N, C-alpha and C. Protein backbone atom coordinates (compact mmCIF):
# COMPACT_ATOMS: atom_id res chain seq x y z
N MET A 1 54.93 57.71 205.61
CA MET A 1 53.87 57.16 204.81
C MET A 1 53.72 55.68 205.16
N ILE A 2 52.54 55.27 205.48
CA ILE A 2 52.28 53.89 205.87
C ILE A 2 52.46 52.99 204.65
N GLY A 3 53.14 51.86 204.85
CA GLY A 3 53.38 50.93 203.77
C GLY A 3 54.54 51.31 202.86
N ASP A 4 55.27 52.33 203.25
CA ASP A 4 56.42 52.76 202.46
C ASP A 4 57.45 51.64 202.41
N ALA A 5 57.90 51.28 201.21
CA ALA A 5 58.85 50.19 201.04
C ALA A 5 60.21 50.51 201.64
N SER A 6 60.50 51.79 201.87
CA SER A 6 61.81 52.14 202.41
C SER A 6 61.89 51.95 203.92
N MET A 7 60.76 51.75 204.59
CA MET A 7 60.79 51.53 206.04
C MET A 7 61.33 50.14 206.33
N GLN A 8 62.09 50.02 207.39
CA GLN A 8 62.66 48.74 207.75
C GLN A 8 61.78 48.06 208.79
N SER A 9 61.62 46.77 208.65
CA SER A 9 60.82 46.02 209.61
C SER A 9 61.61 45.86 210.91
N LEU A 10 60.90 45.52 211.96
CA LEU A 10 61.56 45.27 213.24
C LEU A 10 62.53 44.11 213.13
N ALA A 11 62.19 43.11 212.34
CA ALA A 11 63.09 41.97 212.15
C ALA A 11 64.38 42.41 211.47
N THR A 12 64.27 43.28 210.46
CA THR A 12 65.46 43.77 209.77
C THR A 12 66.31 44.60 210.70
N LEU A 13 65.67 45.46 211.49
CA LEU A 13 66.42 46.27 212.45
C LEU A 13 67.12 45.39 213.48
N GLY A 14 66.44 44.33 213.92
CA GLY A 14 67.05 43.40 214.87
C GLY A 14 68.25 42.69 214.26
N LEU A 15 68.15 42.33 212.98
CA LEU A 15 69.27 41.69 212.29
C LEU A 15 70.46 42.64 212.17
N LEU A 16 70.20 43.90 211.83
CA LEU A 16 71.27 44.90 211.76
C LEU A 16 71.95 45.07 213.10
N ALA A 17 71.17 45.12 214.18
CA ALA A 17 71.75 45.26 215.52
C ALA A 17 72.60 44.04 215.85
N SER A 18 72.17 42.86 215.44
CA SER A 18 72.93 41.64 215.70
C SER A 18 74.26 41.66 214.96
N VAL A 19 74.25 42.13 213.71
CA VAL A 19 75.48 42.22 212.93
C VAL A 19 76.43 43.21 213.60
N ASP A 20 75.93 44.36 214.02
CA ASP A 20 76.75 45.35 214.70
C ASP A 20 77.34 44.77 215.98
N ARG A 21 76.51 44.06 216.75
CA ARG A 21 76.98 43.47 218.00
C ARG A 21 78.09 42.45 217.72
N ASP A 22 77.88 41.60 216.72
CA ASP A 22 78.88 40.60 216.37
C ASP A 22 80.19 41.25 215.93
N LEU A 23 80.09 42.32 215.15
CA LEU A 23 81.28 43.04 214.69
C LEU A 23 82.04 43.62 215.88
N LEU A 24 81.33 44.27 216.81
CA LEU A 24 81.99 44.86 217.97
C LEU A 24 82.62 43.78 218.84
N GLU A 25 81.93 42.67 219.03
CA GLU A 25 82.48 41.58 219.83
C GLU A 25 83.76 41.05 219.18
N HIS A 26 83.71 40.80 217.88
CA HIS A 26 84.88 40.29 217.16
C HIS A 26 86.06 41.26 217.27
N ARG A 27 85.80 42.55 217.06
CA ARG A 27 86.89 43.53 217.09
C ARG A 27 87.44 43.73 218.50
N ALA A 28 86.58 43.71 219.50
CA ALA A 28 87.06 43.85 220.88
C ALA A 28 87.97 42.69 221.25
N VAL A 29 87.54 41.48 220.94
CA VAL A 29 88.36 40.29 221.24
C VAL A 29 89.67 40.34 220.45
N ALA A 30 89.59 40.67 219.17
CA ALA A 30 90.79 40.73 218.33
C ALA A 30 91.78 41.76 218.86
N LEU A 31 91.30 42.92 219.27
CA LEU A 31 92.19 43.95 219.81
C LEU A 31 92.89 43.46 221.07
N LEU A 32 92.14 42.88 222.00
CA LEU A 32 92.74 42.39 223.24
C LEU A 32 93.74 41.26 222.96
N GLU A 33 93.44 40.42 221.97
CA GLU A 33 94.39 39.36 221.60
C GLU A 33 95.68 39.94 221.04
N ARG A 34 95.56 40.95 220.19
CA ARG A 34 96.77 41.58 219.62
C ARG A 34 97.62 42.20 220.72
N LEU A 35 96.97 42.85 221.67
CA LEU A 35 97.71 43.47 222.78
C LEU A 35 98.39 42.41 223.63
N ALA A 36 97.69 41.32 223.91
CA ALA A 36 98.28 40.24 224.72
C ALA A 36 99.45 39.59 223.99
N ASP A 37 99.38 39.55 222.66
CA ASP A 37 100.46 38.96 221.86
C ASP A 37 101.58 39.96 221.58
N HIS A 38 101.48 41.17 222.11
CA HIS A 38 102.45 42.25 221.88
C HIS A 38 102.56 42.62 220.41
N ASP A 39 101.47 42.44 219.68
CA ASP A 39 101.42 42.83 218.26
C ASP A 39 100.84 44.24 218.18
N ILE A 40 101.65 45.20 218.58
CA ILE A 40 101.20 46.58 218.71
C ILE A 40 100.80 47.16 217.35
N GLU A 41 101.55 46.86 216.32
CA GLU A 41 101.25 47.43 215.00
C GLU A 41 99.87 46.97 214.51
N GLN A 42 99.55 45.71 214.72
CA GLN A 42 98.21 45.23 214.34
C GLN A 42 97.15 45.82 215.25
N ALA A 43 97.45 45.94 216.54
CA ALA A 43 96.48 46.52 217.49
C ALA A 43 96.11 47.94 217.10
N ILE A 44 97.08 48.72 216.65
CA ILE A 44 96.85 50.12 216.27
C ILE A 44 95.82 50.22 215.15
N THR A 45 95.73 49.20 214.29
CA THR A 45 94.78 49.25 213.17
C THR A 45 93.32 49.18 213.64
N TYR A 46 93.09 48.82 214.89
CA TYR A 46 91.73 48.75 215.43
C TYR A 46 91.26 50.08 216.02
N PHE A 47 92.11 51.11 216.00
CA PHE A 47 91.78 52.40 216.57
C PHE A 47 91.49 53.44 215.49
N THR A 48 90.64 54.42 215.83
CA THR A 48 90.45 55.58 214.98
C THR A 48 91.72 56.43 215.07
N PRO A 49 91.98 57.31 214.09
CA PRO A 49 93.19 58.14 214.13
C PRO A 49 93.28 59.06 215.35
N CYS A 50 92.14 59.43 215.92
CA CYS A 50 92.17 60.35 217.08
C CYS A 50 91.75 59.63 218.36
N ALA A 51 91.93 58.31 218.42
CA ALA A 51 91.53 57.53 219.59
C ALA A 51 92.28 57.96 220.84
N THR A 52 91.64 57.72 221.97
CA THR A 52 92.24 57.97 223.28
C THR A 52 92.30 56.66 224.05
N VAL A 53 93.45 56.38 224.65
CA VAL A 53 93.62 55.20 225.50
C VAL A 53 93.99 55.69 226.90
N VAL A 54 93.28 55.19 227.90
CA VAL A 54 93.57 55.51 229.30
C VAL A 54 94.07 54.23 229.95
N LEU A 55 95.26 54.31 230.54
CA LEU A 55 95.88 53.15 231.17
C LEU A 55 95.85 53.27 232.67
N GLY A 56 95.25 52.29 233.31
CA GLY A 56 95.31 52.16 234.77
C GLY A 56 94.57 53.22 235.55
N ARG A 57 94.65 53.04 236.86
CA ARG A 57 94.05 53.98 237.80
C ARG A 57 95.04 54.39 238.88
N ASP A 58 96.23 53.80 238.84
CA ASP A 58 97.18 54.01 239.92
C ASP A 58 98.60 54.04 239.34
N ARG A 59 99.26 55.16 239.48
CA ARG A 59 100.60 55.33 238.91
C ARG A 59 101.62 54.37 239.52
N ARG A 60 101.46 54.01 240.81
CA ARG A 60 102.43 53.09 241.43
C ARG A 60 102.39 51.72 240.78
N ALA A 61 101.19 51.27 240.42
CA ALA A 61 101.04 49.93 239.85
C ALA A 61 101.34 49.91 238.35
N MET A 62 101.05 51.00 237.69
CA MET A 62 101.26 51.06 236.24
C MET A 62 102.01 52.34 235.90
N PRO A 63 103.30 52.24 235.66
CA PRO A 63 104.10 53.43 235.41
C PRO A 63 103.65 54.22 234.18
N TYR A 64 102.94 53.59 233.28
CA TYR A 64 102.48 54.28 232.08
C TYR A 64 101.05 54.78 232.24
N PHE A 65 100.63 54.93 233.50
CA PHE A 65 99.32 55.46 233.86
C PHE A 65 99.08 56.78 233.13
N GLY A 66 97.87 56.97 232.64
CA GLY A 66 97.51 58.24 232.03
C GLY A 66 96.75 58.06 230.74
N ALA A 67 96.44 59.19 230.09
CA ALA A 67 95.70 59.20 228.84
C ALA A 67 96.65 59.46 227.68
N TYR A 68 96.45 58.73 226.60
CA TYR A 68 97.28 58.84 225.40
C TYR A 68 96.35 59.00 224.20
N GLN A 69 96.62 59.99 223.37
CA GLN A 69 95.76 60.22 222.22
C GLN A 69 96.56 60.18 220.92
N GLY A 70 95.99 59.50 219.94
CA GLY A 70 96.61 59.39 218.63
C GLY A 70 97.51 58.17 218.54
N PRO A 71 97.75 57.68 217.33
CA PRO A 71 98.48 56.42 217.15
C PRO A 71 99.90 56.42 217.70
N GLU A 72 100.63 57.50 217.56
CA GLU A 72 102.03 57.50 218.05
C GLU A 72 102.09 57.43 219.57
N ALA A 73 101.23 58.21 220.24
CA ALA A 73 101.21 58.19 221.71
C ALA A 73 100.75 56.83 222.22
N ILE A 74 99.73 56.27 221.58
CA ILE A 74 99.22 54.95 221.99
C ILE A 74 100.30 53.88 221.77
N ARG A 75 100.98 53.95 220.66
CA ARG A 75 102.06 53.01 220.35
C ARG A 75 103.15 53.08 221.43
N ARG A 76 103.57 54.30 221.81
CA ARG A 76 104.60 54.47 222.85
C ARG A 76 104.14 53.88 224.19
N ALA A 77 102.89 54.12 224.54
CA ALA A 77 102.37 53.60 225.82
C ALA A 77 102.39 52.08 225.84
N PHE A 78 101.90 51.46 224.77
CA PHE A 78 101.88 50.00 224.73
C PHE A 78 103.28 49.40 224.66
N ARG A 79 104.20 50.08 224.01
CA ARG A 79 105.59 49.59 223.99
C ARG A 79 106.20 49.68 225.39
N GLY A 80 105.87 50.73 226.12
CA GLY A 80 106.36 50.85 227.49
C GLY A 80 105.86 49.72 228.37
N ILE A 81 104.59 49.39 228.23
CA ILE A 81 104.02 48.28 229.01
C ILE A 81 104.71 46.97 228.61
N GLU A 82 104.94 46.79 227.32
CA GLU A 82 105.59 45.58 226.82
C GLU A 82 106.99 45.39 227.41
N ILE A 83 107.69 46.49 227.68
CA ILE A 83 109.02 46.42 228.26
C ILE A 83 108.96 45.83 229.67
N GLU A 84 107.91 46.18 230.42
CA GLU A 84 107.82 45.74 231.82
C GLU A 84 107.09 44.43 232.04
N TYR A 85 106.07 44.17 231.20
CA TYR A 85 105.19 43.02 231.45
C TYR A 85 105.11 42.11 230.24
N ASP A 86 104.97 40.83 230.52
CA ASP A 86 104.74 39.83 229.49
C ASP A 86 103.41 39.15 229.81
N VAL A 87 102.48 39.17 228.87
CA VAL A 87 101.20 38.48 229.05
C VAL A 87 101.39 37.05 228.56
N LEU A 88 101.32 36.11 229.49
CA LEU A 88 101.53 34.70 229.15
C LEU A 88 100.25 34.06 228.63
N ARG A 89 99.10 34.54 229.15
CA ARG A 89 97.81 33.97 228.76
C ARG A 89 96.75 34.96 229.19
N GLN A 90 95.66 35.01 228.45
CA GLN A 90 94.52 35.82 228.90
C GLN A 90 93.23 35.06 228.67
N ASP A 91 92.28 35.32 229.55
CA ASP A 91 90.98 34.67 229.47
C ASP A 91 89.92 35.75 229.63
N ILE A 92 89.16 36.00 228.57
CA ILE A 92 88.07 36.98 228.66
C ILE A 92 86.90 36.27 229.32
N ARG A 93 86.56 36.72 230.51
CA ARG A 93 85.52 36.05 231.32
C ARG A 93 84.12 36.53 230.97
N ASP A 94 83.96 37.82 230.79
CA ASP A 94 82.64 38.41 230.52
C ASP A 94 82.78 39.54 229.52
N MET A 95 81.71 39.75 228.76
CA MET A 95 81.66 40.88 227.84
C MET A 95 80.22 41.38 227.78
N VAL A 96 80.07 42.69 227.90
CA VAL A 96 78.76 43.31 227.76
C VAL A 96 78.86 44.32 226.62
N ILE A 97 77.90 44.23 225.70
CA ILE A 97 77.89 45.15 224.55
C ILE A 97 76.57 45.92 224.60
N ASP A 98 76.67 47.23 224.59
CA ASP A 98 75.49 48.09 224.58
C ASP A 98 75.71 49.21 223.58
N GLN A 99 75.00 49.14 222.47
CA GLN A 99 75.13 50.08 221.36
C GLN A 99 76.58 50.16 220.89
N ASP A 100 77.27 51.27 221.11
CA ASP A 100 78.65 51.41 220.62
C ASP A 100 79.69 51.19 221.71
N ARG A 101 79.27 50.62 222.83
CA ARG A 101 80.18 50.42 223.96
C ARG A 101 80.33 48.94 224.31
N VAL A 102 81.56 48.58 224.69
CA VAL A 102 81.88 47.21 225.08
C VAL A 102 82.65 47.26 226.39
N VAL A 103 82.27 46.40 227.32
CA VAL A 103 82.99 46.26 228.58
C VAL A 103 83.40 44.80 228.70
N THR A 104 84.67 44.57 229.02
CA THR A 104 85.12 43.20 229.23
C THR A 104 85.71 43.06 230.62
N ARG A 105 85.61 41.85 231.12
CA ARG A 105 86.31 41.47 232.35
C ARG A 105 87.17 40.28 231.95
N ARG A 106 88.47 40.41 232.21
CA ARG A 106 89.40 39.35 231.80
C ARG A 106 90.45 39.13 232.88
N VAL A 107 91.08 37.98 232.79
CA VAL A 107 92.18 37.63 233.68
C VAL A 107 93.38 37.33 232.81
N CYS A 108 94.50 37.97 233.13
CA CYS A 108 95.74 37.75 232.38
C CYS A 108 96.77 37.12 233.30
N ARG A 109 97.41 36.08 232.82
CA ARG A 109 98.57 35.50 233.49
C ARG A 109 99.75 36.33 233.03
N MET A 110 100.38 37.07 233.97
CA MET A 110 101.41 38.03 233.59
C MET A 110 102.71 37.76 234.32
N ARG A 111 103.77 38.15 233.66
CA ARG A 111 105.10 38.09 234.27
C ARG A 111 105.70 39.48 234.20
N HIS A 112 106.23 39.91 235.36
CA HIS A 112 106.95 41.18 235.39
C HIS A 112 108.38 40.87 234.95
N ARG A 113 108.84 41.55 233.94
CA ARG A 113 110.16 41.24 233.36
C ARG A 113 111.30 41.59 234.32
N GLY A 114 111.08 42.56 235.21
CA GLY A 114 112.13 42.95 236.15
C GLY A 114 112.25 42.01 237.33
N THR A 115 111.12 41.67 237.94
CA THR A 115 111.14 40.81 239.12
C THR A 115 111.07 39.32 238.78
N GLY A 116 110.55 39.01 237.61
CA GLY A 116 110.37 37.62 237.21
C GLY A 116 109.13 36.98 237.82
N LYS A 117 108.40 37.71 238.67
CA LYS A 117 107.19 37.16 239.29
C LYS A 117 106.11 36.93 238.25
N VAL A 118 105.35 35.86 238.47
CA VAL A 118 104.23 35.50 237.59
C VAL A 118 102.98 35.37 238.44
N MET A 119 101.88 35.97 237.99
CA MET A 119 100.61 35.83 238.69
C MET A 119 99.46 36.26 237.79
N ASN A 120 98.26 35.95 238.23
CA ASN A 120 97.06 36.38 237.52
C ASN A 120 96.72 37.82 237.91
N VAL A 121 96.32 38.61 236.91
CA VAL A 121 95.90 39.99 237.14
C VAL A 121 94.54 40.17 236.49
N ASP A 122 93.58 40.66 237.28
CA ASP A 122 92.24 40.94 236.78
C ASP A 122 92.21 42.29 236.08
N PHE A 123 91.52 42.36 234.95
CA PHE A 123 91.36 43.60 234.20
C PHE A 123 89.88 43.85 233.94
N CYS A 124 89.53 45.12 233.88
CA CYS A 124 88.23 45.54 233.37
C CYS A 124 88.54 46.56 232.28
N ASP A 125 88.01 46.34 231.10
CA ASP A 125 88.31 47.19 229.95
C ASP A 125 87.02 47.81 229.43
N TRP A 126 87.07 49.11 229.17
CA TRP A 126 85.94 49.83 228.60
C TRP A 126 86.34 50.31 227.22
N MET A 127 85.49 50.04 226.22
CA MET A 127 85.76 50.48 224.85
C MET A 127 84.53 51.19 224.30
N ARG A 128 84.79 52.21 223.50
CA ARG A 128 83.72 52.85 222.73
C ARG A 128 84.14 52.82 221.28
N PHE A 129 83.21 52.45 220.42
CA PHE A 129 83.50 52.30 218.99
C PHE A 129 82.85 53.43 218.19
N GLN A 130 83.49 53.75 217.09
CA GLN A 130 82.98 54.73 216.14
C GLN A 130 83.28 54.18 214.74
N ASN A 131 82.25 53.96 213.97
CA ASN A 131 82.41 53.39 212.62
C ASN A 131 83.22 52.10 212.63
N GLY A 132 82.99 51.26 213.64
CA GLY A 132 83.64 49.96 213.71
C GLY A 132 85.05 49.95 214.28
N LEU A 133 85.57 51.13 214.65
CA LEU A 133 86.91 51.21 215.23
C LEU A 133 86.83 51.77 216.65
N VAL A 134 87.82 51.44 217.47
CA VAL A 134 87.85 51.91 218.85
C VAL A 134 88.25 53.38 218.88
N CYS A 135 87.42 54.21 219.49
CA CYS A 135 87.78 55.62 219.63
C CYS A 135 88.16 55.94 221.08
N GLU A 136 87.74 55.07 222.01
CA GLU A 136 88.13 55.22 223.42
C GLU A 136 88.36 53.84 224.01
N LEU A 137 89.45 53.70 224.73
CA LEU A 137 89.77 52.45 225.42
C LEU A 137 90.34 52.79 226.78
N SER A 138 89.80 52.15 227.79
CA SER A 138 90.32 52.31 229.15
C SER A 138 90.65 50.92 229.68
N LEU A 139 91.93 50.70 229.98
CA LEU A 139 92.40 49.42 230.53
C LEU A 139 92.63 49.62 232.02
N SER A 140 91.89 48.87 232.83
CA SER A 140 91.99 49.04 234.28
C SER A 140 92.35 47.72 234.95
N PRO A 141 93.63 47.54 235.24
CA PRO A 141 94.03 46.34 235.98
C PRO A 141 93.73 46.51 237.47
N GLU A 142 93.65 45.40 238.16
CA GLU A 142 93.51 45.43 239.61
C GLU A 142 94.84 45.91 240.17
N SER A 143 94.86 47.12 240.70
CA SER A 143 96.11 47.78 241.12
C SER A 143 96.89 46.97 242.15
N SER A 144 96.20 46.40 243.12
CA SER A 144 96.92 45.67 244.17
C SER A 144 97.63 44.44 243.60
N GLN A 145 97.06 43.81 242.59
CA GLN A 145 97.71 42.66 241.98
C GLN A 145 98.95 43.08 241.20
N LEU A 146 98.86 44.20 240.47
CA LEU A 146 100.05 44.69 239.76
C LEU A 146 101.14 45.10 240.72
N GLU A 147 100.76 45.74 241.83
CA GLU A 147 101.75 46.13 242.83
C GLU A 147 102.48 44.92 243.39
N GLU A 148 101.73 43.85 243.64
CA GLU A 148 102.34 42.62 244.16
C GLU A 148 103.29 42.00 243.13
N LEU A 149 102.94 42.12 241.87
CA LEU A 149 103.79 41.58 240.79
C LEU A 149 105.11 42.34 240.71
N VAL A 150 105.09 43.64 241.00
CA VAL A 150 106.27 44.49 240.90
C VAL A 150 107.18 44.34 242.11
N GLU A 151 106.63 44.04 243.27
CA GLU A 151 107.40 43.98 244.52
C GLU A 151 108.37 42.81 244.55
């Protein structure tokens, strides 16, 4: 019905989209900060109960390579990474947000706890959100850089 008071104006819809975008940006950054700080328990609160996390693309570079679903499996995977690697600093270089998806490009200054080597590692992270929480996360480090850190 034309002139219906329940219809939303384009300006209102644009404002809602902006709020959603800001929320996703804030949560994506907060999640990556918690992971870099090894605050796994806080990081888990950013996921849906049935979330899936995919780690890496190469088993040689990331021993915890694979898909993990649910809070306990995700917690174990992140604890395993924490045993091997220490994130000394991270810098989120770029972020693209499109509807319920967020892609980040970041650089982490990392130390391998076994070798003691320290270097920068490039990451590309893909996230999908559902009701404000991450339901899918894929962390993809540059495999050759991780391999060099381990050698």
